[in-house]
Amino acid sequence: MESIDIWICIALMFIATVLTRSSFFMLGDAVKLPGWVKHALRYAPAAALAATIAPDILMTTGSSGNLTLTLINPKLLAAVGAAVFFMATRHMLGTIAVGMALFTVSRLWLS
């Protein structure tokens, strides 16, 4: 692949990224989304966050990549504790602090 081909690919990827990520801002109110699409988009951030965090909590690191649903998994313990705290209080900053504290304590305690 020649250097001009690489630059063309980078330019096309830039254009595709800008168009897809800023289309809602550029179009404004010109596009009316159906109610079911708006309802579905409300869950997109939570789904993306869960898809990002869940493998880190549930899978072992390294080449094995096995599922670890044991009580010696400090990430799982911290996630369960943070989820319980959030369901009880609905306080986001406290949930982050409790999750980090539980992870630190369980990691130090289990090692």
N, C-alpha and C. Protein backbone atom coordinates (compact mmCIF):
# COMPACT_ATOMS: atom_id res chain seq x y z
N MET A 1 0.85 -1.18 0.00
CA MET A 1 0.00 0.00 0.00
C MET A 1 0.89 1.24 0.00
N GLU A 2 0.65 2.11 -0.94
CA GLU A 2 1.47 3.31 -1.04
C GLU A 2 0.99 4.36 -0.04
N SER A 3 1.84 5.36 0.15
CA SER A 3 1.50 6.37 1.15
C SER A 3 0.27 7.17 0.76
N ILE A 4 0.05 7.40 -0.52
CA ILE A 4 -1.15 8.15 -0.94
C ILE A 4 -2.41 7.37 -0.62
N ASP A 5 -2.33 6.04 -0.73
CA ASP A 5 -3.49 5.21 -0.39
C ASP A 5 -3.81 5.31 1.09
N ILE A 6 -2.78 5.33 1.91
CA ILE A 6 -2.99 5.45 3.36
C ILE A 6 -3.63 6.78 3.70
N TRP A 7 -3.16 7.85 3.05
CA TRP A 7 -3.74 9.17 3.33
C TRP A 7 -5.18 9.28 2.84
N ILE A 8 -5.48 8.63 1.74
CA ILE A 8 -6.87 8.61 1.25
C ILE A 8 -7.76 7.85 2.22
N CYS A 9 -7.26 6.74 2.73
CA CYS A 9 -8.04 5.96 3.71
C CYS A 9 -8.27 6.78 4.98
N ILE A 10 -7.24 7.47 5.46
CA ILE A 10 -7.39 8.29 6.67
C ILE A 10 -8.40 9.41 6.43
N ALA A 11 -8.34 10.05 5.26
CA ALA A 11 -9.28 11.13 4.96
C ALA A 11 -10.71 10.61 4.88
N LEU A 12 -10.91 9.46 4.25
CA LEU A 12 -12.26 8.89 4.16
C LEU A 12 -12.78 8.48 5.53
N MET A 13 -11.91 7.92 6.37
CA MET A 13 -12.34 7.55 7.72
C MET A 13 -12.69 8.79 8.53
N PHE A 14 -11.94 9.87 8.34
CA PHE A 14 -12.24 11.13 9.03
C PHE A 14 -13.61 11.65 8.60
N ILE A 15 -13.85 11.65 7.32
CA ILE A 15 -15.15 12.15 6.82
C ILE A 15 -16.29 11.27 7.33
N ALA A 16 -16.11 9.96 7.29
CA ALA A 16 -17.16 9.06 7.78
C ALA A 16 -17.42 9.27 9.27
N THR A 17 -16.37 9.47 10.04
CA THR A 17 -16.53 9.67 11.48
C THR A 17 -17.24 10.98 11.77
N VAL A 18 -16.84 12.04 11.10
CA VAL A 18 -17.46 13.35 11.33
C VAL A 18 -18.93 13.32 10.93
N LEU A 19 -19.23 12.72 9.80
CA LEU A 19 -20.62 12.68 9.33
C LEU A 19 -21.52 11.86 10.26
N THR A 20 -21.03 10.71 10.70
CA THR A 20 -21.89 9.87 11.53
C THR A 20 -22.03 10.42 12.95
N ARG A 21 -21.01 11.02 13.49
CA ARG A 21 -21.08 11.49 14.88
C ARG A 21 -21.69 12.87 15.02
N SER A 22 -21.66 13.67 14.00
CA SER A 22 -22.20 15.02 14.13
C SER A 22 -23.48 15.22 13.32
N SER A 23 -24.00 14.17 12.75
CA SER A 23 -25.19 14.35 11.90
C SER A 23 -26.38 14.85 12.69
N PHE A 24 -26.57 14.39 13.92
CA PHE A 24 -27.71 14.85 14.72
C PHE A 24 -27.56 16.33 15.07
N PHE A 25 -26.32 16.78 15.28
CA PHE A 25 -26.11 18.19 15.60
C PHE A 25 -26.27 19.06 14.36
N MET A 26 -25.78 18.59 13.21
CA MET A 26 -25.84 19.39 11.99
C MET A 26 -27.26 19.47 11.45
N LEU A 27 -28.03 18.40 11.59
CA LEU A 27 -29.38 18.39 11.04
C LEU A 27 -30.37 19.07 11.98
N GLY A 28 -30.08 19.07 13.25
CA GLY A 28 -30.95 19.75 14.21
C GLY A 28 -32.34 19.13 14.25
N ASP A 29 -33.34 19.97 14.13
CA ASP A 29 -34.72 19.50 14.19
C ASP A 29 -35.27 19.12 12.82
N ALA A 30 -34.42 19.10 11.80
CA ALA A 30 -34.89 18.75 10.46
C ALA A 30 -35.32 17.29 10.37
N VAL A 31 -34.73 16.45 11.21
CA VAL A 31 -35.08 15.03 11.19
C VAL A 31 -35.91 14.73 12.43
N LYS A 32 -37.07 14.19 12.21
CA LYS A 32 -37.95 13.79 13.31
C LYS A 32 -37.83 12.28 13.49
N LEU A 33 -37.39 11.87 14.66
CA LEU A 33 -37.27 10.45 14.93
C LEU A 33 -38.59 9.93 15.47
N PRO A 34 -38.94 8.71 15.09
CA PRO A 34 -40.15 8.11 15.65
C PRO A 34 -39.99 7.88 17.16
N GLY A 35 -41.10 7.79 17.83
CA GLY A 35 -41.07 7.63 19.28
C GLY A 35 -40.36 6.38 19.73
N TRP A 36 -40.50 5.29 18.98
CA TRP A 36 -39.85 4.05 19.39
C TRP A 36 -38.33 4.16 19.27
N VAL A 37 -37.84 4.95 18.29
CA VAL A 37 -36.39 5.14 18.16
C VAL A 37 -35.88 5.99 19.31
N LYS A 38 -36.62 7.05 19.66
CA LYS A 38 -36.22 7.87 20.80
C LYS A 38 -36.20 7.04 22.08
N HIS A 39 -37.20 6.18 22.24
CA HIS A 39 -37.26 5.33 23.43
C HIS A 39 -36.08 4.37 23.45
N ALA A 40 -35.73 3.80 22.30
CA ALA A 40 -34.60 2.86 22.24
C ALA A 40 -33.28 3.57 22.48
N LEU A 41 -33.15 4.80 21.99
CA LEU A 41 -31.89 5.53 22.16
C LEU A 41 -31.65 5.93 23.62
N ARG A 42 -32.69 5.96 24.43
CA ARG A 42 -32.51 6.28 25.85
C ARG A 42 -31.66 5.23 26.55
N TYR A 43 -31.68 3.99 26.05
CA TYR A 43 -30.94 2.90 26.68
C TYR A 43 -29.56 2.69 26.07
N ALA A 44 -29.22 3.44 25.05
CA ALA A 44 -27.93 3.24 24.37
C ALA A 44 -26.73 3.51 25.28
N PRO A 45 -26.70 4.60 26.06
CA PRO A 45 -25.53 4.80 26.94
C PRO A 45 -25.37 3.70 27.98
N ALA A 46 -26.47 3.26 28.58
CA ALA A 46 -26.37 2.20 29.58
C ALA A 46 -25.91 0.90 28.94
N ALA A 47 -26.39 0.61 27.75
CA ALA A 47 -25.98 -0.61 27.07
C ALA A 47 -24.51 -0.56 26.69
N ALA A 48 -24.05 0.60 26.22
CA ALA A 48 -22.64 0.73 25.86
C ALA A 48 -21.75 0.61 27.09
N LEU A 49 -22.18 1.21 28.20
CA LEU A 49 -21.40 1.12 29.43
C LEU A 49 -21.35 -0.32 29.94
N ALA A 50 -22.47 -1.01 29.90
CA ALA A 50 -22.50 -2.41 30.34
C ALA A 50 -21.62 -3.28 29.44
N ALA A 51 -21.67 -3.04 28.15
CA ALA A 51 -20.85 -3.83 27.22
C ALA A 51 -19.37 -3.56 27.41
N THR A 52 -19.03 -2.38 27.89
CA THR A 52 -17.63 -2.06 28.13
C THR A 52 -17.13 -2.64 29.44
N ILE A 53 -17.96 -2.55 30.48
CA ILE A 53 -17.53 -2.93 31.83
C ILE A 53 -17.67 -4.43 32.09
N ALA A 54 -18.73 -5.05 31.61
CA ALA A 54 -19.02 -6.45 31.94
C ALA A 54 -17.87 -7.41 31.61
N PRO A 55 -17.26 -7.35 30.44
CA PRO A 55 -16.14 -8.27 30.20
C PRO A 55 -14.98 -8.06 31.16
N ASP A 56 -14.73 -6.82 31.56
CA ASP A 56 -13.63 -6.56 32.49
C ASP A 56 -13.94 -7.13 33.87
N ILE A 57 -15.20 -7.11 34.25
CA ILE A 57 -15.58 -7.62 35.57
C ILE A 57 -15.63 -9.15 35.58
N LEU A 58 -16.12 -9.73 34.53
CA LEU A 58 -16.42 -11.17 34.54
C LEU A 58 -15.33 -12.05 33.96
N MET A 59 -14.45 -11.51 33.16
CA MET A 59 -13.47 -12.35 32.49
C MET A 59 -12.11 -12.21 33.14
N THR A 60 -11.33 -13.28 33.13
CA THR A 60 -9.97 -13.22 33.64
C THR A 60 -9.08 -12.50 32.65
N THR A 61 -8.02 -11.96 33.16
CA THR A 61 -7.07 -11.30 32.28
C THR A 61 -6.10 -12.32 31.72
N GLY A 62 -5.41 -11.94 30.71
CA GLY A 62 -4.43 -12.84 30.11
C GLY A 62 -4.99 -13.55 28.91
N SER A 63 -4.30 -14.59 28.52
CA SER A 63 -4.69 -15.28 27.29
C SER A 63 -5.84 -16.24 27.48
N SER A 64 -6.11 -16.67 28.74
CA SER A 64 -7.17 -17.66 28.94
C SER A 64 -8.55 -17.05 28.71
N GLY A 65 -8.84 -15.89 29.32
CA GLY A 65 -10.11 -15.22 29.12
C GLY A 65 -11.29 -16.00 29.64
N ASN A 66 -11.12 -16.76 30.72
CA ASN A 66 -12.22 -17.56 31.26
C ASN A 66 -13.17 -16.70 32.09
N LEU A 67 -14.38 -17.19 32.25
CA LEU A 67 -15.39 -16.54 33.07
C LEU A 67 -15.09 -16.83 34.54
N THR A 68 -15.04 -15.79 35.39
CA THR A 68 -14.73 -15.99 36.80
C THR A 68 -15.88 -15.47 37.64
N LEU A 69 -16.79 -16.37 38.01
CA LEU A 69 -17.92 -16.02 38.85
C LEU A 69 -17.69 -16.56 40.26
N THR A 70 -16.53 -16.28 40.83
CA THR A 70 -16.20 -16.77 42.16
C THR A 70 -16.10 -15.60 43.13
N LEU A 71 -16.06 -15.93 44.39
CA LEU A 71 -15.95 -14.90 45.43
C LEU A 71 -14.54 -14.37 45.56
N ILE A 72 -13.59 -14.90 44.82
CA ILE A 72 -12.23 -14.37 44.87
C ILE A 72 -11.97 -13.36 43.77
N ASN A 73 -13.00 -13.01 43.02
CA ASN A 73 -12.88 -12.00 41.97
C ASN A 73 -13.19 -10.62 42.58
N PRO A 74 -12.18 -9.80 42.86
CA PRO A 74 -12.44 -8.51 43.51
C PRO A 74 -13.27 -7.56 42.67
N LYS A 75 -13.16 -7.64 41.36
CA LYS A 75 -13.96 -6.77 40.50
C LYS A 75 -15.44 -7.13 40.60
N LEU A 76 -15.73 -8.41 40.66
CA LEU A 76 -17.12 -8.84 40.77
C LEU A 76 -17.71 -8.43 42.11
N LEU A 77 -16.94 -8.59 43.17
CA LEU A 77 -17.41 -8.18 44.50
C LEU A 77 -17.69 -6.69 44.54
N ALA A 78 -16.79 -5.90 43.98
CA ALA A 78 -16.97 -4.45 43.97
C ALA A 78 -18.18 -4.06 43.12
N ALA A 79 -18.37 -4.72 42.00
CA ALA A 79 -19.51 -4.39 41.13
C ALA A 79 -20.83 -4.73 41.81
N VAL A 80 -20.89 -5.87 42.49
CA VAL A 80 -22.12 -6.25 43.19
C VAL A 80 -22.40 -5.26 44.33
N GLY A 81 -21.37 -4.92 45.09
CA GLY A 81 -21.55 -3.96 46.18
C GLY A 81 -21.97 -2.60 45.68
N ALA A 82 -21.37 -2.14 44.60
CA ALA A 82 -21.74 -0.84 44.04
C ALA A 82 -23.16 -0.87 43.49
N ALA A 83 -23.56 -1.97 42.88
CA ALA A 83 -24.93 -2.08 42.36
C ALA A 83 -25.94 -2.05 43.50
N VAL A 84 -25.64 -2.73 44.59
CA VAL A 84 -26.54 -2.73 45.75
C VAL A 84 -26.63 -1.32 46.33
N PHE A 85 -25.49 -0.64 46.42
CA PHE A 85 -25.49 0.73 46.94
C PHE A 85 -26.31 1.64 46.04
N PHE A 86 -26.16 1.50 44.72
CA PHE A 86 -26.91 2.36 43.81
C PHE A 86 -28.41 2.11 43.90
N MET A 87 -28.80 0.83 44.00
CA MET A 87 -30.24 0.53 44.09
C MET A 87 -30.82 1.07 45.38
N ALA A 88 -30.02 1.14 46.44
CA ALA A 88 -30.54 1.62 47.72
C ALA A 88 -30.58 3.14 47.77
N THR A 89 -29.60 3.82 47.15
CA THR A 89 -29.49 5.27 47.33
C THR A 89 -29.76 6.08 46.08
N ARG A 90 -29.54 5.50 44.86
CA ARG A 90 -29.65 6.22 43.57
C ARG A 90 -28.68 7.40 43.51
N HIS A 91 -27.54 7.27 44.16
CA HIS A 91 -26.54 8.33 44.20
C HIS A 91 -25.33 7.88 43.37
N MET A 92 -25.09 8.55 42.23
CA MET A 92 -24.06 8.09 41.29
C MET A 92 -22.64 8.26 41.82
N LEU A 93 -22.33 9.44 42.39
CA LEU A 93 -20.97 9.66 42.89
C LEU A 93 -20.66 8.73 44.05
N GLY A 94 -21.65 8.51 44.92
CA GLY A 94 -21.45 7.57 46.03
C GLY A 94 -21.24 6.15 45.52
N THR A 95 -21.93 5.80 44.45
CA THR A 95 -21.77 4.46 43.87
C THR A 95 -20.36 4.26 43.36
N ILE A 96 -19.82 5.28 42.71
CA ILE A 96 -18.44 5.18 42.21
C ILE A 96 -17.47 5.05 43.37
N ALA A 97 -17.67 5.86 44.41
CA ALA A 97 -16.77 5.81 45.58
C ALA A 97 -16.87 4.47 46.29
N VAL A 98 -18.09 3.96 46.46
CA VAL A 98 -18.26 2.66 47.13
C VAL A 98 -17.65 1.55 46.29
N GLY A 99 -17.85 1.58 44.99
CA GLY A 99 -17.27 0.57 44.12
C GLY A 99 -15.75 0.57 44.16
N MET A 100 -15.17 1.77 44.13
CA MET A 100 -13.71 1.84 44.19
C MET A 100 -13.19 1.39 45.54
N ALA A 101 -13.87 1.78 46.62
CA ALA A 101 -13.44 1.37 47.96
C ALA A 101 -13.55 -0.14 48.13
N LEU A 102 -14.67 -0.71 47.67
CA LEU A 102 -14.83 -2.17 47.77
C LEU A 102 -13.80 -2.91 46.94
N PHE A 103 -13.51 -2.38 45.78
CA PHE A 103 -12.49 -3.04 44.94
C PHE A 103 -11.13 -3.00 45.61
N THR A 104 -10.78 -1.86 46.18
CA THR A 104 -9.47 -1.74 46.84
C THR A 104 -9.39 -2.67 48.04
N VAL A 105 -10.41 -2.66 48.86
CA VAL A 105 -10.39 -3.51 50.07
C VAL A 105 -10.39 -4.98 49.69
N SER A 106 -11.23 -5.38 48.76
CA SER A 106 -11.28 -6.80 48.40
C SER A 106 -10.00 -7.24 47.70
N ARG A 107 -9.40 -6.36 46.92
CA ARG A 107 -8.14 -6.73 46.27
C ARG A 107 -7.02 -6.89 47.29
N LEU A 108 -6.98 -5.99 48.27
CA LEU A 108 -5.94 -6.12 49.31
C LEU A 108 -6.22 -7.31 50.20
N TRP A 109 -7.49 -7.57 50.49
CA TRP A 109 -7.86 -8.66 51.39
C TRP A 109 -7.65 -10.02 50.74
N LEU A 110 -7.92 -10.12 49.44
CA LEU A 110 -7.83 -11.40 48.75
C LEU A 110 -6.43 -11.72 48.25
N SER A 111 -5.54 -10.75 48.25
CA SER A 111 -4.19 -11.06 47.75
C SER A 111 -3.24 -11.42 48.87
